[in-house]
């Protein structure tokens, strides 16, 4: 019975270790996804500015304005 307890304890430790590793990997992947979303947004803005279509220009202008508002919010939080 004691050997079975030790086996289960080792298995539990192994699973806990795997859980930590997977959590770390998930966090890294979530940060990577956020970074890639930012890059896609930048490319979309650049394409919108490059195209001489009114809808694309309005879209790009809206994105830029949104980014400026977010930057202003960050600056105001840093100044507090």
N, C-alpha and C. Protein backbone atom coordinates (compact mmCIF):
# COMPACT_ATOMS: atom_id res chain seq x y z
N UNK A 1 0.82 -1.19 0.00
CA UNK A 1 0.00 0.00 0.00
C UNK A 1 0.87 1.26 0.00
N UNK A 2 1.97 1.20 0.72
CA UNK A 2 2.88 2.33 0.78
C UNK A 2 3.54 2.57 -0.58
N UNK A 3 3.87 1.51 -1.28
CA UNK A 3 4.49 1.66 -2.61
C UNK A 3 3.50 2.29 -3.59
N UNK A 4 2.24 1.94 -3.47
CA UNK A 4 1.22 2.52 -4.34
C UNK A 4 1.05 4.02 -4.05
N UNK A 5 1.11 4.37 -2.79
CA UNK A 5 1.04 5.78 -2.40
C UNK A 5 2.21 6.55 -3.00
N UNK A 6 3.41 5.99 -2.91
CA UNK A 6 4.60 6.64 -3.46
C UNK A 6 4.50 6.79 -4.98
N UNK A 7 3.96 5.77 -5.64
CA UNK A 7 3.78 5.85 -7.09
C UNK A 7 2.82 6.99 -7.45
N UNK A 8 1.72 7.06 -6.72
CA UNK A 8 0.73 8.11 -6.99
C UNK A 8 1.30 9.50 -6.67
N UNK A 9 2.11 9.56 -5.63
CA UNK A 9 2.74 10.83 -5.27
C UNK A 9 3.69 11.29 -6.36
N UNK A 10 4.49 10.36 -6.89
CA UNK A 10 5.41 10.69 -7.99
C UNK A 10 4.63 11.10 -9.24
N UNK A 11 3.55 10.38 -9.52
CA UNK A 11 2.73 10.72 -10.68
C UNK A 11 2.12 12.11 -10.51
N UNK A 12 1.67 12.41 -9.31
CA UNK A 12 1.10 13.72 -9.02
C UNK A 12 2.14 14.82 -9.23
N UNK A 13 3.35 14.61 -8.74
CA UNK A 13 4.42 15.59 -8.91
C UNK A 13 4.74 15.79 -10.39
N UNK A 14 4.78 14.69 -11.13
CA UNK A 14 5.06 14.75 -12.56
C UNK A 14 3.97 15.54 -13.29
N UNK A 15 2.73 15.28 -12.94
CA UNK A 15 1.62 15.99 -13.58
C UNK A 15 1.61 17.46 -13.21
N UNK A 16 1.96 17.76 -11.98
CA UNK A 16 2.04 19.17 -11.56
C UNK A 16 3.12 19.89 -12.34
N UNK A 17 4.25 19.21 -12.55
CA UNK A 17 5.35 19.80 -13.33
C UNK A 17 4.90 20.03 -14.78
N UNK A 18 4.25 19.04 -15.36
CA UNK A 18 3.74 19.19 -16.73
C UNK A 18 2.73 20.33 -16.81
N UNK A 19 1.91 20.47 -15.80
CA UNK A 19 0.92 21.54 -15.75
C UNK A 19 1.61 22.90 -15.76
N UNK A 20 2.65 23.05 -14.96
CA UNK A 20 3.40 24.32 -14.93
C UNK A 20 4.02 24.61 -16.29
N UNK A 21 4.61 23.59 -16.90
CA UNK A 21 5.23 23.78 -18.21
C UNK A 21 4.20 24.20 -19.25
N UNK A 22 3.06 23.56 -19.23
CA UNK A 22 2.01 23.89 -20.20
C UNK A 22 1.47 25.29 -19.95
N UNK A 23 1.35 25.68 -18.69
CA UNK A 23 0.89 27.03 -18.39
C UNK A 23 1.87 28.07 -18.90
N UNK A 24 3.15 27.82 -18.70
CA UNK A 24 4.18 28.74 -19.20
C UNK A 24 4.13 28.81 -20.72
N UNK A 25 3.99 27.67 -21.36
CA UNK A 25 3.92 27.64 -22.82
C UNK A 25 2.69 28.39 -23.31
N UNK A 26 1.57 28.22 -22.63
CA UNK A 26 0.34 28.92 -23.00
C UNK A 26 0.52 30.43 -22.87
N UNK A 27 1.17 30.87 -21.80
CA UNK A 27 1.41 32.30 -21.62
C UNK A 27 2.29 32.86 -22.74
N UNK A 28 3.32 32.11 -23.11
CA UNK A 28 4.19 32.55 -24.21
C UNK A 28 3.40 32.65 -25.50
N UNK A 29 2.57 31.66 -25.77
CA UNK A 29 1.79 31.66 -27.00
C UNK A 29 0.75 32.78 -26.99
N UNK A 30 0.16 33.08 -25.84
CA UNK A 30 -0.80 34.18 -25.77
C UNK A 30 -0.12 35.51 -26.05
N UNK A 31 1.09 35.70 -25.51
CA UNK A 31 1.83 36.93 -25.81
C UNK A 31 2.17 37.01 -27.29
N UNK A 32 2.53 35.87 -27.87
CA UNK A 32 2.85 35.85 -29.30
C UNK A 32 1.63 36.19 -30.15
N UNK A 33 0.49 35.67 -29.78
CA UNK A 33 -0.75 35.97 -30.51
C UNK A 33 -1.06 37.47 -30.43
N UNK A 34 -0.91 38.06 -29.24
CA UNK A 34 -1.16 39.50 -29.09
C UNK A 34 -0.22 40.30 -29.97
N UNK A 35 1.05 39.90 -30.00
CA UNK A 35 2.03 40.61 -30.82
C UNK A 35 1.68 40.48 -32.31
N UNK A 36 1.29 39.29 -32.72
CA UNK A 36 0.93 39.09 -34.12
C UNK A 36 -0.34 39.88 -34.49
N UNK A 37 -1.28 39.98 -33.57
CA UNK A 37 -2.48 40.78 -33.84
C UNK A 37 -2.11 42.24 -34.03
N UNK A 38 -1.17 42.72 -33.22
CA UNK A 38 -0.71 44.10 -33.38
C UNK A 38 -0.06 44.29 -34.74
N UNK A 39 0.74 43.32 -35.15
CA UNK A 39 1.40 43.43 -36.46
C UNK A 39 0.39 43.43 -37.59
N UNK A 40 -0.63 42.59 -37.48
CA UNK A 40 -1.67 42.54 -38.51
C UNK A 40 -2.39 43.88 -38.58
N UNK A 41 -2.66 44.46 -37.43
CA UNK A 41 -3.33 45.76 -37.40
C UNK A 41 -2.46 46.82 -38.08
N UNK A 42 -1.17 46.79 -37.82
CA UNK A 42 -0.27 47.75 -38.46
C UNK A 42 -0.25 47.57 -39.97
N UNK A 43 -0.21 46.33 -40.41
CA UNK A 43 -0.22 46.05 -41.86
C UNK A 43 -1.53 46.52 -42.47
N UNK A 44 -2.65 46.27 -41.78
CA UNK A 44 -3.94 46.72 -42.29
C UNK A 44 -3.97 48.24 -42.42
N UNK A 45 -3.42 48.92 -41.43
CA UNK A 45 -3.38 50.39 -41.49
C UNK A 45 -2.52 50.85 -42.66
N UNK A 46 -1.36 50.22 -42.79
CA UNK A 46 -0.46 50.60 -43.89
C UNK A 46 -1.11 50.37 -45.24
N UNK A 47 -1.79 49.25 -45.40
CA UNK A 47 -2.47 48.97 -46.66
C UNK A 47 -3.59 49.97 -46.89
N UNK A 48 -4.30 50.31 -45.82
CA UNK A 48 -5.40 51.28 -45.95
C UNK A 48 -4.91 52.64 -46.37
N UNK A 49 -3.74 53.02 -45.89
CA UNK A 49 -3.18 54.32 -46.26
C UNK A 49 -2.66 54.27 -47.70
N UNK A 50 -2.10 53.15 -48.10
CA UNK A 50 -1.51 53.03 -49.43
C UNK A 50 -2.58 53.03 -50.52
N UNK A 51 -3.74 52.47 -50.23
CA UNK A 51 -4.80 52.40 -51.23
C UNK A 51 -5.54 53.73 -51.27
N UNK A 52 -5.82 54.19 -52.45
CA UNK A 52 -6.46 55.50 -52.62
C UNK A 52 -7.97 55.41 -52.60
N UNK A 53 -8.51 54.39 -52.01
CA UNK A 53 -9.96 54.21 -51.89
C UNK A 53 -10.45 54.97 -50.66
N UNK A 54 -11.58 55.65 -50.78
CA UNK A 54 -12.12 56.44 -49.66
C UNK A 54 -12.44 55.57 -48.45
N UNK A 55 -13.03 54.39 -48.70
CA UNK A 55 -13.37 53.50 -47.58
C UNK A 55 -12.11 53.03 -46.85
N UNK A 56 -11.09 52.68 -47.60
CA UNK A 56 -9.85 52.23 -46.98
C UNK A 56 -9.18 53.35 -46.21
N UNK A 57 -9.20 54.54 -46.76
CA UNK A 57 -8.60 55.69 -46.08
C UNK A 57 -9.36 55.99 -44.79
N UNK A 58 -10.69 55.92 -44.83
CA UNK A 58 -11.48 56.15 -43.63
C UNK A 58 -11.20 55.08 -42.57
N UNK A 59 -11.07 53.84 -43.02
CA UNK A 59 -10.75 52.74 -42.11
C UNK A 59 -9.39 52.98 -41.45
N UNK A 60 -8.41 53.32 -42.24
CA UNK A 60 -7.06 53.56 -41.72
C UNK A 60 -7.06 54.75 -40.76
N UNK A 61 -7.76 55.81 -41.14
CA UNK A 61 -7.83 56.99 -40.29
C UNK A 61 -8.47 56.64 -38.94
N UNK A 62 -9.52 55.84 -38.97
CA UNK A 62 -10.18 55.42 -37.73
C UNK A 62 -9.26 54.60 -36.85
N UNK A 63 -8.48 53.70 -37.46
CA UNK A 63 -7.53 52.89 -36.69
C UNK A 63 -6.46 53.76 -36.06
N UNK A 64 -5.94 54.68 -36.84
CA UNK A 64 -4.89 55.57 -36.32
C UNK A 64 -5.44 56.41 -35.17
N UNK A 65 -6.65 56.94 -35.33
CA UNK A 65 -7.26 57.72 -34.25
C UNK A 65 -7.45 56.88 -33.00
N UNK A 66 -7.86 55.63 -33.17
CA UNK A 66 -8.03 54.73 -32.04
C UNK A 66 -6.69 54.49 -31.34
N UNK A 67 -5.64 54.27 -32.12
CA UNK A 67 -4.31 54.06 -31.53
C UNK A 67 -3.84 55.30 -30.77
N UNK A 68 -4.11 56.46 -31.33
CA UNK A 68 -3.71 57.70 -30.65
C UNK A 68 -4.46 57.85 -29.33
N UNK A 69 -5.74 57.51 -29.31
CA UNK A 69 -6.50 57.58 -28.06
C UNK A 69 -5.93 56.62 -27.02
N UNK A 70 -5.56 55.41 -27.46
CA UNK A 70 -4.98 54.44 -26.54
C UNK A 70 -3.64 54.94 -25.99
N UNK A 71 -2.84 55.54 -26.83
CA UNK A 71 -1.56 56.09 -26.39
C UNK A 71 -1.78 57.22 -25.40
N UNK A 72 -2.75 58.07 -25.68
CA UNK A 72 -3.07 59.16 -24.75
C UNK A 72 -3.50 58.63 -23.39
N UNK A 73 -4.30 57.56 -23.39
CA UNK A 73 -4.73 56.96 -22.12
C UNK A 73 -3.52 56.42 -21.35
N UNK A 74 -2.61 55.78 -22.05
CA UNK A 74 -1.41 55.24 -21.41
C UNK A 74 -0.56 56.36 -20.81
N UNK A 75 -0.42 57.43 -21.56
CA UNK A 75 0.37 58.58 -21.07
C UNK A 75 -0.27 59.17 -19.84
N UNK A 76 -1.59 59.31 -19.85
CA UNK A 76 -2.27 59.88 -18.69
C UNK A 76 -2.13 58.97 -17.47
N UNK A 77 -2.16 57.66 -17.68
CA UNK A 77 -1.96 56.73 -16.56
C UNK A 77 -0.53 56.80 -16.02
N UNK A 78 0.42 57.01 -16.89
CA UNK A 78 1.81 57.12 -16.44
C UNK A 78 2.03 58.42 -15.67
N UNK A 79 1.29 59.45 -16.02
CA UNK A 79 1.46 60.76 -15.36
C UNK A 79 0.82 60.80 -13.98
N UNK A 80 -0.05 59.83 -13.68
CA UNK A 80 -0.73 59.83 -12.37
C UNK A 80 0.20 59.43 -11.25
